[in-house]
Amino acid sequence: MAIDPSFEENREVAEEHEGHEVWGPVEEPETLGIHGTHVAVDFDICLGDGACIDDCPVDVFEWVDTPGHPESELKADPANEDQCIDCMICVDVCPVDAIDVDAGRAGRH
């Protein structure tokens, strides 16, 4: 199941993490929500394979520990989403479609 591209309409901001919004629900450690707005990563389906981290030309992502999460205990956090150039490489390389990038959401974090 891929990230919901309409998460802004279907979810509410539950908290903030490292300068970006987290769209709930959040019930750690099993449910971690969607991190980021312009560059959104669904932590609940992210496998933590690192393809987005390796391929992003502007270093939007950073590893974050998520101990106890059933999919992986590391996630690609869009910590630097304001650096995103909308190249969509991360979207293309994510094996589980956990990332959505929308230039229309830029600046809304």
PDB file of N, CA and C in Angstrom:
ATOM      1  N   MET A   1       0.836  -1.178   0.000  1.00  0.00           N
ATOM      2  CA  MET A   1       0.000   0.000   0.000  1.00  0.00           C
ATOM      3  C   MET A   1       0.887   1.249   0.000  1.00  0.00           C
ATOM      4  N   ALA A   2       0.686   2.136  -0.931  1.00  0.00           N
ATOM      5  CA  ALA A   2       1.498   3.337  -1.091  1.00  0.00           C
ATOM      6  C   ALA A   2       1.032   4.462  -0.174  1.00  0.00           C
ATOM      7  N   ILE A   3       1.880   5.476  -0.043  1.00  0.00           N
ATOM      8  CA  ILE A   3       1.529   6.667   0.724  1.00  0.00           C
ATOM      9  C   ILE A   3       0.277   7.306   0.126  1.00  0.00           C
ATOM     10  N   ASP A   4      -0.540   7.869   0.976  1.00  0.00           N
ATOM     11  CA  ASP A   4      -1.757   8.561   0.544  1.00  0.00           C
ATOM     12  C   ASP A   4      -1.369   9.955   0.048  1.00  0.00           C
ATOM     13  N   PRO A   5      -1.485  10.237  -1.256  1.00  0.00           N
ATOM     14  CA  PRO A   5      -1.106  11.555  -1.764  1.00  0.00           C
ATOM     15  C   PRO A   5      -2.033  12.680  -1.274  1.00  0.00           C
ATOM     16  N   SER A   6      -3.159  12.313  -0.704  1.00  0.00           N
ATOM     17  CA  SER A   6      -4.101  13.300  -0.151  1.00  0.00           C
ATOM     18  C   SER A   6      -4.043  13.341   1.371  1.00  0.00           C
ATOM     19  N   PHE A   7      -2.861  13.032   1.925  1.00  0.00           N
ATOM     20  CA  PHE A   7      -2.757  12.946   3.380  1.00  0.00           C
ATOM     21  C   PHE A   7      -3.107  14.256   4.077  1.00  0.00           C
ATOM     22  N   GLU A   8      -2.872  15.398   3.428  1.00  0.00           N
ATOM     23  CA  GLU A   8      -3.211  16.675   4.063  1.00  0.00           C
ATOM     24  C   GLU A   8      -4.709  16.803   4.322  1.00  0.00           C
ATOM     25  N   GLU A   9      -5.507  16.189   3.474  1.00  0.00           N
ATOM     26  CA  GLU A   9      -6.954  16.235   3.647  1.00  0.00           C
ATOM     27  C   GLU A   9      -7.455  15.119   4.557  1.00  0.00           C
ATOM     28  N   ASN A  10      -6.735  14.003   4.590  1.00  0.00           N
ATOM     29  CA  ASN A  10      -7.201  12.823   5.305  1.00  0.00           C
ATOM     30  C   ASN A  10      -6.607  12.656   6.704  1.00  0.00           C
ATOM     31  N   ARG A  11      -5.617  13.460   7.043  1.00  0.00           N
ATOM     32  CA  ARG A  11      -4.954  13.345   8.340  1.00  0.00           C
ATOM     33  C   ARG A  11      -4.788  14.723   8.959  1.00  0.00           C
ATOM     34  N   GLU A  12      -4.429  14.740  10.222  1.00  0.00           N
ATOM     35  CA  GLU A  12      -4.148  15.989  10.919  1.00  0.00           C
ATOM     36  C   GLU A  12      -2.721  15.951  11.435  1.00  0.00           C
ATOM     37  N   VAL A  13      -2.136  17.138  11.599  1.00  0.00           N
ATOM     38  CA  VAL A  13      -0.795  17.226  12.160  1.00  0.00           C
ATOM     39  C   VAL A  13      -0.862  16.790  13.620  1.00  0.00           C
ATOM     40  N   ALA A  14      -0.054  15.790  13.948  1.00  0.00           N
ATOM     41  CA  ALA A  14      -0.052  15.243  15.300  1.00  0.00           C
ATOM     42  C   ALA A  14       1.084  15.808  16.143  1.00  0.00           C
ATOM     43  N   GLU A  15       2.180  16.143  15.470  1.00  0.00           N
ATOM     44  CA  GLU A  15       3.347  16.658  16.196  1.00  0.00           C
ATOM     45  C   GLU A  15       4.339  17.232  15.205  1.00  0.00           C
ATOM     46  N   GLU A  16       5.449  17.726  15.750  1.00  0.00           N
ATOM     47  CA  GLU A  16       6.527  18.227  14.916  1.00  0.00           C
ATOM     48  C   GLU A  16       7.776  17.428  15.240  1.00  0.00           C
ATOM     49  N   HIS A  17       8.597  17.186  14.207  1.00  0.00           N
ATOM     50  CA  HIS A  17       9.824  16.425  14.398  1.00  0.00           C
ATOM     51  C   HIS A  17      10.929  17.071  13.579  1.00  0.00           C
ATOM     52  N   GLU A  18      11.986  17.510  14.254  1.00  0.00           N
ATOM     53  CA  GLU A  18      13.152  18.075  13.570  1.00  0.00           C
ATOM     54  C   GLU A  18      12.775  19.138  12.545  1.00  0.00           C
ATOM     55  N   GLY A  19      11.799  19.982  12.874  1.00  0.00           N
ATOM     56  CA  GLY A  19      11.444  21.093  12.007  1.00  0.00           C
ATOM     57  C   GLY A  19      10.420  20.800  10.929  1.00  0.00           C
ATOM     58  N   HIS A  20       9.874  19.589  10.908  1.00  0.00           N
ATOM     59  CA  HIS A  20       8.814  19.289   9.945  1.00  0.00           C
ATOM     60  C   HIS A  20       7.616  18.658  10.659  1.00  0.00           C
ATOM     61  N   GLU A  21       6.474  18.756   9.986  1.00  0.00           N
ATOM     62  CA  GLU A  21       5.249  18.236  10.571  1.00  0.00           C
ATOM     63  C   GLU A  21       5.171  16.720  10.454  1.00  0.00           C
ATOM     64  N   VAL A  22       4.474  16.121  11.400  1.00  0.00           N
ATOM     65  CA  VAL A  22       4.176  14.691  11.375  1.00  0.00           C
ATOM     66  C   VAL A  22       2.660  14.568  11.349  1.00  0.00           C
ATOM     67  N   TRP A  23       2.175  13.930  10.304  1.00  0.00           N
ATOM     68  CA  TRP A  23       0.738  13.756  10.101  1.00  0.00           C
ATOM     69  C   TRP A  23       0.325  12.432  10.714  1.00  0.00           C
ATOM     70  N   GLY A  24      -0.580  12.475  11.666  1.00  0.00           N
ATOM     71  CA  GLY A  24      -0.987  11.304  12.441  1.00  0.00           C
ATOM     72  C   GLY A  24      -1.887  10.345  11.708  1.00  0.00           C
ATOM     73  N   PRO A  25      -2.255   9.313  12.396  1.00  0.00           N
ATOM     74  CA  PRO A  25      -2.044   9.105  13.827  1.00  0.00           C
ATOM     75  C   PRO A  25      -0.615   8.658  14.133  1.00  0.00           C
ATOM     76  N   VAL A  26      -0.207   8.930  15.377  1.00  0.00           N
ATOM     77  CA  VAL A  26       1.094   8.503  15.873  1.00  0.00           C
ATOM     78  C   VAL A  26       0.861   7.784  17.192  1.00  0.00           C
ATOM     79  N   GLU A  27       1.255   6.529  17.215  1.00  0.00           N
ATOM     80  CA  GLU A  27       1.185   5.706  18.432  1.00  0.00           C
ATOM     81  C   GLU A  27       2.432   4.848  18.445  1.00  0.00           C
ATOM     82  N   GLU A  28       3.510   5.420  18.959  1.00  0.00           N
ATOM     83  CA  GLU A  28       4.808   4.742  18.951  1.00  0.00           C
ATOM     84  C   GLU A  28       4.761   3.463  19.754  1.00  0.00           C
ATOM     85  N   PRO A  29       5.502   2.427  19.397  1.00  0.00           N
ATOM     86  CA  PRO A  29       6.425   2.400  18.271  1.00  0.00           C
ATOM     87  C   PRO A  29       5.811   1.894  16.962  1.00  0.00           C
ATOM     88  N   GLU A  30       4.572   1.406  16.990  1.00  0.00           N
ATOM     89  CA  GLU A  30       4.009   0.750  15.804  1.00  0.00           C
ATOM     90  C   GLU A  30       3.512   1.717  14.735  1.00  0.00           C
ATOM     91  N   THR A  31       2.949   2.855  15.128  1.00  0.00           N
ATOM     92  CA  THR A  31       2.366   3.796  14.177  1.00  0.00           C
ATOM     93  C   THR A  31       3.107   5.119  14.297  1.00  0.00           C
ATOM     94  N   LEU A  32       3.778   5.514  13.207  1.00  0.00           N
ATOM     95  CA  LEU A  32       4.645   6.692  13.258  1.00  0.00           C
ATOM     96  C   LEU A  32       4.187   7.834  12.354  1.00  0.00           C
ATOM     97  N   GLY A  33       3.162   7.612  11.537  1.00  0.00           N
ATOM     98  CA  GLY A  33       2.608   8.677  10.712  1.00  0.00           C
ATOM     99  C   GLY A  33       3.443   9.022   9.495  1.00  0.00           C
ATOM    100  N   ILE A  34       3.085  10.138   8.877  1.00  0.00           N
ATOM    101  CA  ILE A  34       3.766  10.642   7.688  1.00  0.00           C
ATOM    102  C   ILE A  34       4.601  11.842   8.098  1.00  0.00           C
ATOM    103  N   HIS A  35       5.888  11.764   7.815  1.00  0.00           N
ATOM    104  CA  HIS A  35       6.813  12.841   8.166  1.00  0.00           C
ATOM    105  C   HIS A  35       7.043  13.732   6.960  1.00  0.00           C
ATOM    106  N   GLY A  36       6.913  15.049   7.183  1.00  0.00           N
ATOM    107  CA  GLY A  36       7.139  16.022   6.128  1.00  0.00           C
ATOM    108  C   GLY A  36       5.856  16.397   5.415  1.00  0.00           C
ATOM    109  N   THR A  37       5.931  17.473   4.637  1.00  0.00           N
ATOM    110  CA  THR A  37       4.769  17.959   3.894  1.00  0.00           C
ATOM    111  C   THR A  37       5.112  18.081   2.410  1.00  0.00           C
ATOM    112  N   HIS A  38       6.097  18.909   2.069  1.00  0.00           N
ATOM    113  CA  HIS A  38       6.558  19.016   0.683  1.00  0.00           C
ATOM    114  C   HIS A  38       7.125  17.667   0.238  1.00  0.00           C
ATOM    115  N   VAL A  39       8.027  17.143   1.053  1.00  0.00           N
ATOM    116  CA  VAL A  39       8.556  15.791   0.865  1.00  0.00           C
ATOM    117  C   VAL A  39       7.977  14.971   2.002  1.00  0.00           C
ATOM    118  N   ALA A  40       7.045  14.096   1.678  1.00  0.00           N
ATOM    119  CA  ALA A  40       6.347  13.316   2.702  1.00  0.00           C
ATOM    120  C   ALA A  40       6.778  11.860   2.647  1.00  0.00           C
ATOM    121  N   VAL A  41       7.133  11.313   3.809  1.00  0.00           N
ATOM    122  CA  VAL A  41       7.544   9.909   3.918  1.00  0.00           C
ATOM    123  C   VAL A  41       6.608   9.226   4.902  1.00  0.00           C
ATOM    124  N   ASP A  42       5.931   8.189   4.427  1.00  0.00           N
ATOM    125  CA  ASP A  42       5.061   7.409   5.294  1.00  0.00           C
ATOM    126  C   ASP A  42       5.932   6.439   6.081  1.00  0.00           C
ATOM    127  N   PHE A  43       6.198   6.791   7.345  1.00  0.00           N
ATOM    128  CA  PHE A  43       7.072   5.973   8.179  1.00  0.00           C
ATOM    129  C   PHE A  43       6.474   4.596   8.447  1.00  0.00           C
ATOM    130  N   ASP A  44       5.177   4.445   8.284  1.00  0.00           N
ATOM    131  CA  ASP A  44       4.556   3.161   8.585  1.00  0.00           C
ATOM    132  C   ASP A  44       4.793   2.121   7.498  1.00  0.00           C
ATOM    133  N   ILE A  45       5.162   2.562   6.301  1.00  0.00           N
ATOM    134  CA  ILE A  45       5.464   1.594   5.240  1.00  0.00           C
ATOM    135  C   ILE A  45       6.915   1.647   4.785  1.00  0.00           C
ATOM    136  N   CYS A  46       7.675   2.663   5.231  1.00  0.00           N
ATOM    137  CA  CYS A  46       9.089   2.781   4.868  1.00  0.00           C
ATOM    138  C   CYS A  46       9.862   1.564   5.374  1.00  0.00           C
ATOM    139  N   LEU A  47      10.617   0.944   4.453  1.00  0.00           N
ATOM    140  CA  LEU A  47      11.416  -0.233   4.790  1.00  0.00           C
ATOM    141  C   LEU A  47      12.826   0.128   5.240  1.00  0.00           C
ATOM    142  N   GLY A  48      13.195   1.385   5.086  1.00  0.00           N
ATOM    143  CA  GLY A  48      14.525   1.808   5.497  1.00  0.00           C
ATOM    144  C   GLY A  48      15.631   1.217   4.652  1.00  0.00           C
ATOM    145  N   ASP A  49      15.383   1.036   3.353  1.00  0.00           N
ATOM    146  CA  ASP A  49      16.424   0.452   2.502  1.00  0.00           C
ATOM    147  C   ASP A  49      17.486   1.468   2.091  1.00  0.00           C
ATOM    148  N   GLY A  50      17.190   2.765   2.225  1.00  0.00           N
ATOM    149  CA  GLY A  50      18.183   3.797   1.984  1.00  0.00           C
ATOM    150  C   GLY A  50      18.341   4.262   0.552  1.00  0.00           C
ATOM    151  N   ALA A  51      17.524   3.772  -0.363  1.00  0.00           N
ATOM    152  CA  ALA A  51      17.655   4.180  -1.767  1.00  0.00           C
ATOM    153  C   ALA A  51      17.477   5.690  -1.915  1.00  0.00           C
ATOM    154  N   CYS A  52      16.518   6.264  -1.212  1.00  0.00           N
ATOM    155  CA  CYS A  52      16.285   7.716  -1.308  1.00  0.00           C
ATOM    156  C   CYS A  52      17.469   8.490  -0.745  1.00  0.00           C
ATOM    157  N   ILE A  53      18.024   8.016   0.346  1.00  0.00           N
ATOM    158  CA  ILE A  53      19.178   8.681   0.947  1.00  0.00           C
ATOM    159  C   ILE A  53      20.362   8.633  -0.003  1.00  0.00           C
ATOM    160  N   ASP A  54      20.592   7.472  -0.607  1.00  0.00           N
ATOM    161  CA  ASP A  54      21.720   7.303  -1.523  1.00  0.00           C
ATOM    162  C   ASP A  54      21.575   8.126  -2.790  1.00  0.00           C
ATOM    163  N   ASP A  55      20.361   8.247  -3.311  1.00  0.00           N
ATOM    164  CA  ASP A  55      20.156   8.851  -4.626  1.00  0.00           C
ATOM    165  C   ASP A  55      19.783  10.330  -4.618  1.00  0.00           C
ATOM    166  N   CYS A  56      19.359  10.873  -3.499  1.00  0.00           N
ATOM    167  CA  CYS A  56      18.938  12.281  -3.456  1.00  0.00           C
ATOM    168  C   CYS A  56      20.141  13.194  -3.723  1.00  0.00           C
ATOM    169  N   PRO A  57      20.046  14.032  -4.768  1.00  0.00           N
ATOM    170  CA  PRO A  57      21.191  14.885  -5.108  1.00  0.00           C
ATOM    171  C   PRO A  57      21.398  16.070  -4.161  1.00  0.00           C
ATOM    172  N   VAL A  58      20.420  16.375  -3.320  1.00  0.00           N
ATOM    173  CA  VAL A  58      20.541  17.539  -2.432  1.00  0.00           C
ATOM    174  C   VAL A  58      20.411  17.176  -0.949  1.00  0.00           C
ATOM    175  N   ASP A  59      20.536  15.900  -0.625  1.00  0.00           N
ATOM    176  CA  ASP A  59      20.572  15.426   0.767  1.00  0.00           C
ATOM    177  C   ASP A  59      19.371  15.854   1.605  1.00  0.00           C
ATOM    178  N   VAL A  60      18.177  15.608   1.073  1.00  0.00           N
ATOM    179  CA  VAL A  60      16.950  15.909   1.811  1.00  0.00           C
ATOM    180  C   VAL A  60      16.796  14.988   3.018  1.00  0.00           C
ATOM    181  N   PHE A  61      17.224  13.739   2.884  1.00  0.00           N
ATOM    182  CA  PHE A  61      16.930  12.713   3.898  1.00  0.00           C
ATOM    183  C   PHE A  61      18.086  12.465   4.851  1.00  0.00           C
ATOM    184  N   GLU A  62      17.721  12.109   6.087  1.00  0.00           N
ATOM    185  CA  GLU A  62      18.676  11.674   7.094  1.00  0.00           C
ATOM    186  C   GLU A  62      18.089  10.460   7.802  1.00  0.00           C
ATOM    187  N   TRP A  63      18.956   9.566   8.244  1.00  0.00           N
ATOM    188  CA  TRP A  63      18.485   8.403   8.996  1.00  0.00           C
ATOM    189  C   TRP A  63      17.966   8.843  10.357  1.00  0.00           C
ATOM    190  N   VAL A  64      16.884   8.205  10.791  1.00  0.00           N
ATOM    191  CA  VAL A  64      16.366   8.409  12.143  1.00  0.00           C
ATOM    192  C   VAL A  64      16.025   7.025  12.711  1.00  0.00           C
ATOM    193  N   ASP A  65      16.349   6.836  13.973  1.00  0.00           N
ATOM    194  CA  ASP A  65      16.057   5.568  14.640  1.00  0.00           C
ATOM    195  C   ASP A  65      14.584   5.484  14.990  1.00  0.00           C
ATOM    196  N   THR A  66      13.997   4.325  14.715  1.00  0.00           N
ATOM    197  CA  THR A  66      12.605   4.067  15.069  1.00  0.00           C
ATOM    198  C   THR A  66      12.514   2.694  15.738  1.00  0.00           C
ATOM    199  N   PRO A  67      13.095   2.570  16.930  1.00  0.00           N
ATOM    200  CA  PRO A  67      13.130   1.263  17.591  1.00  0.00           C
ATOM    201  C   PRO A  67      11.739   0.692  17.817  1.00  0.00           C
ATOM    202  N   GLY A  68      11.604  -0.590  17.514  1.00  0.00           N
ATOM    203  CA  GLY A  68      10.357  -1.295  17.744  1.00  0.00           C
ATOM    204  C   GLY A  68       9.349  -1.211  16.614  1.00  0.00           C
ATOM    205  N   HIS A  69       9.670  -0.461  15.538  1.00  0.00           N
ATOM    206  CA  HIS A  69       8.704  -0.390  14.435  1.00  0.00           C
ATOM    207  C   HIS A  69       8.739  -1.701  13.653  1.00  0.00           C
ATOM    208  N   PRO A  70       7.563  -2.254  13.301  1.00  0.00           N
ATOM    209  CA  PRO A  70       7.523  -3.570  12.660  1.00  0.00           C
ATOM    210  C   PRO A  70       8.155  -3.636  11.266  1.00  0.00           C
ATOM    211  N   GLU A  71       8.214  -2.535  10.516  1.00  0.00           N
ATOM    212  CA  GLU A  71       8.801  -2.578   9.167  1.00  0.00           C
ATOM    213  C   GLU A  71      10.316  -2.441   9.187  1.00  0.00           C
ATOM    214  N   SER A  72      10.820  -1.524   9.988  1.00  0.00           N
ATOM    215  CA  SER A  72      12.268  -1.334  10.114  1.00  0.00           C
ATOM    216  C   SER A  72      12.533  -0.392  11.276  1.00  0.00           C
ATOM    217  N   GLU A  73      13.717  -0.507  11.839  1.00  0.00           N
ATOM    218  CA  GLU A  73      14.066   0.329  12.974  1.00  0.00           C
ATOM    219  C   GLU A  73      14.873   1.555  12.559  1.00  0.00           C
ATOM    220  N   LEU A  74      14.976   1.790  11.264  1.00  0.00           N
ATOM    221  CA  LEU A  74      15.567   2.999  10.702  1.00  0.00           C
ATOM    222  C   LEU A  74      14.618   3.527   9.644  1.00  0.00           C
ATOM    223  N   LYS A  75      14.471   4.836   9.580  1.00  0.00           N
ATOM    224  CA  LYS A  75      13.610   5.456   8.566  1.00  0.00           C
ATOM    225  C   LYS A  75      14.372   6.595   7.904  1.00  0.00           C
ATOM    226  N   ALA A  76      13.987   6.894   6.668  1.00  0.00           N
ATOM    227  CA  ALA A  76      14.549   8.018   5.925  1.00  0.00           C
ATOM    228  C   ALA A  76      13.690   9.250   6.231  1.00  0.00           C
ATOM    229  N   ASP A  77      14.213  10.100   7.069  1.00  0.00           N
ATOM    230  CA  ASP A  77      13.482  11.285   7.529  1.00  0.00           C
ATOM    231  C   ASP A  77      13.756  12.461   6.598  1.00  0.00           C
ATOM    232  N   PRO A  78      12.708  13.163   6.116  1.00  0.00           N
ATOM    233  CA  PRO A  78      12.927  14.320   5.235  1.00  0.00           C
ATOM    234  C   PRO A  78      13.347  15.552   6.039  1.00  0.00           C
ATOM    235  N   ALA A  79      14.449  15.429   6.756  1.00  0.00           N
ATOM    236  CA  ALA A  79      14.905  16.464   7.675  1.00  0.00           C
ATOM    237  C   ALA A  79      15.240  17.779   6.981  1.00  0.00           C
ATOM    238  N   ASN A  80      15.601  17.701   5.716  1.00  0.00           N
ATOM    239  CA  ASN A  80      15.987  18.897   4.966  1.00  0.00           C
ATOM    240  C   ASN A  80      15.064  19.098   3.774  1.00  0.00           C
ATOM    241  N   GLU A  81      13.757  18.937   3.999  1.00  0.00           N
ATOM    242  CA  GLU A  81      12.807  19.001   2.883  1.00  0.00           C
ATOM    243  C   GLU A  81      12.807  20.347   2.179  1.00  0.00           C
ATOM    244  N   ASP A  82      13.251  21.402   2.864  1.00  0.00           N
ATOM    245  CA  ASP A  82      13.303  22.713   2.216  1.00  0.00           C
ATOM    246  C   ASP A  82      14.371  22.788   1.127  1.00  0.00           C
ATOM    247  N   GLN A  83      15.281  21.812   1.086  1.00  0.00           N
ATOM    248  CA  GLN A  83      16.312  21.751   0.043  1.00  0.00           C
ATOM    249  C   GLN A  83      15.834  21.020  -1.214  1.00  0.00           C
ATOM    250  N   CYS A  84      14.658  20.417  -1.168  1.00  0.00           N
ATOM    251  CA  CYS A  84      14.154  19.592  -2.268  1.00  0.00           C
ATOM    252  C   CYS A  84      14.041  20.399  -3.562  1.00  0.00           C
ATOM    253  N   ILE A  85      14.498  19.796  -4.660  1.00  0.00           N
ATOM    254  CA  ILE A  85      14.430  20.432  -5.980  1.00  0.00           C
ATOM    255  C   ILE A  85      13.387  19.757  -6.874  1.00  0.00           C
ATOM    256  N   ASP A  86      12.549  18.933  -6.291  1.00  0.00           N
ATOM    257  CA  ASP A  86      11.445  18.278  -6.995  1.00  0.00           C
ATOM    258  C   ASP A  86      11.897  17.428  -8.184  1.00  0.00           C
ATOM    259  N   CYS A  87      13.039  16.772  -8.041  1.00  0.00           N
ATOM    260  CA  CYS A  87      13.530  15.927  -9.135  1.00  0.00           C
ATOM    261  C   CYS A  87      12.805  14.584  -9.190  1.00  0.00           C
ATOM    262  N   MET A  88      12.171  14.199  -8.083  1.00  0.00           N
ATOM    263  CA  MET A  88      11.366  12.977  -7.976  1.00  0.00           C
ATOM    264  C   MET A  88      12.174  11.679  -7.971  1.00  0.00           C
ATOM    265  N   ILE A  89      13.483  11.774  -7.854  1.00  0.00           N
ATOM    266  CA  ILE A  89      14.303  10.557  -7.817  1.00  0.00           C
ATOM    267  C   ILE A  89      13.899   9.690  -6.632  1.00  0.00           C
ATOM    268  N   CYS A  90      13.672  10.300  -5.477  1.00  0.00           N
ATOM    269  CA  CYS A  90      13.316   9.520  -4.294  1.00  0.00           C
ATOM    270  C   CYS A  90      12.015   8.762  -4.507  1.00  0.00           C
ATOM    271  N   VAL A  91      11.066   9.400  -5.148  1.00  0.00           N
ATOM    272  CA  VAL A  91       9.781   8.751  -5.433  1.00  0.00           C
ATOM    273  C   VAL A  91      10.000   7.558  -6.347  1.00  0.00           C
ATOM    274  N   ASP A  92      10.854   7.731  -7.349  1.00  0.00           N
ATOM    275  CA  ASP A  92      11.118   6.670  -8.328  1.00  0.00           C
ATOM    276  C   ASP A  92      11.852   5.477  -7.732  1.00  0.00           C
ATOM    277  N   VAL A  93      12.761   5.711  -6.780  1.00  0.00           N
ATOM    278  CA  VAL A  93      13.579   4.609  -6.258  1.00  0.00           C
ATOM    279  C   VAL A  93      12.983   3.912  -5.043  1.00  0.00           C
ATOM    280  N   CYS A  94      11.969   4.491  -4.427  1.00  0.00           N
ATOM    281  CA  CYS A  94      11.383   3.872  -3.232  1.00  0.00           C
ATOM    282  C   CYS A  94      10.659   2.585  -3.622  1.00  0.00           C
ATOM    283  N   PRO A  95      11.096   1.449  -3.071  1.00  0.00           N
ATOM    284  CA  PRO A  95      10.507   0.168  -3.482  1.00  0.00           C
ATOM    285  C   PRO A  95       9.079  -0.053  -2.992  1.00  0.00           C
ATOM    286  N   VAL A  96       8.633   0.722  -2.003  1.00  0.00           N
ATOM    287  CA  VAL A  96       7.291   0.519  -1.456  1.00  0.00           C
ATOM    288  C   VAL A  96       6.402   1.750  -1.615  1.00  0.00           C
ATOM    289  N   ASP A  97       6.828   2.712  -2.429  1.00  0.00           N
ATOM    290  CA  ASP A  97       6.048   3.933  -2.674  1.00  0.00           C
ATOM    291  C   ASP A  97       5.677   4.646  -1.379  1.00  0.00           C
ATOM    292  N   ALA A  98       6.666   4.784  -0.494  1.00  0.00           N
ATOM    293  CA  ALA A  98       6.435   5.440   0.793  1.00  0.00           C
ATOM    294  C   ALA A  98       6.636   6.949   0.724  1.00  0.00           C
ATOM    295  N   ILE A  99       7.079   7.480  -0.435  1.00  0.00           N
ATOM    296  CA  ILE A  99       7.417   8.905  -0.549  1.00  0.00           C
ATOM    297  C   ILE A  99       6.519   9.579  -1.569  1.00  0.00           C
ATOM    298  N   ASP A 100       6.057  10.782  -1.203  1.00  0.00           N
ATOM    299  CA  ASP A 100       5.313  11.619  -2.135  1.00  0.00           C
ATOM    300  C   ASP A 100       5.917  13.012  -2.091  1.00  0.00           C
ATOM    301  N   VAL A 101       6.235  13.555  -3.255  1.00  0.00           N
ATOM    302  CA  VAL A 101       6.782  14.910  -3.362  1.00  0.00           C
ATOM    303  C   VAL A 101       5.801  15.727  -4.180  1.00  0.00           C
ATOM    304  N   ASP A 102       5.444  16.895  -3.654  1.00  0.00           N
ATOM    305  CA  ASP A 102       4.508  17.772  -4.360  1.00  0.00           C
ATOM    306  C   ASP A 102       4.990  19.206  -4.199  1.00  0.00           C
ATOM    307  N   ALA A 103       5.425  19.795  -5.305  1.00  0.00           N
ATOM    308  CA  ALA A 103       5.928  21.172  -5.280  1.00  0.00           C
ATOM    309  C   ALA A 103       4.864  22.140  -4.777  1.00  0.00           C
ATOM    310  N   GLY A 104       3.594  21.805  -4.952  1.00  0.00           N
ATOM    311  CA  GLY A 104       2.514  22.645  -4.464  1.00  0.00           C
ATOM    312  C   GLY A 104       2.449  22.714  -2.955  1.00  0.00           C
ATOM    313  N   ARG A 105       3.092  21.767  -2.288  1.00  0.00           N
ATOM    314  CA  ARG A 105       3.114  21.758  -0.830  1.00  0.00           C
ATOM    315  C   ARG A 105       4.390  22.406  -0.279  1.00  0.00           C
ATOM    316  N   ALA A 106       5.286  22.861  -1.149  1.00  0.00           N
ATOM    317  CA  ALA A 106       6.540  23.471  -0.702  1.00  0.00           C
ATOM    318  C   ALA A 106       6.249  24.688   0.163  1.00  0.00           C
ATOM    319  N   GLY A 107       6.995  24.803   1.229  1.00  0.00           N
ATOM    320  CA  GLY A 107       6.816  25.946   2.121  1.00  0.00           C
ATOM    321  C   GLY A 107       5.708  25.800   3.127  1.00  0.00           C
ATOM    322  N   ARG A 108       4.954  24.716   3.048  1.00  0.00           N
ATOM    323  CA  ARG A 108       3.855  24.506   3.997  1.00  0.00           C
ATOM    324  C   ARG A 108       4.261  23.516   5.075  1.00  0.00           C
ATOM    325  N   HIS A 109       5.390  23.740   5.658  1.00  0.00           N
ATOM    326  CA  HIS A 109       5.831  22.873   6.758  1.00  0.00           C
ATOM    327  C   HIS A 109       6.253  23.694   7.918  1.00  0.00           C
TER     328      HIS A 109
END
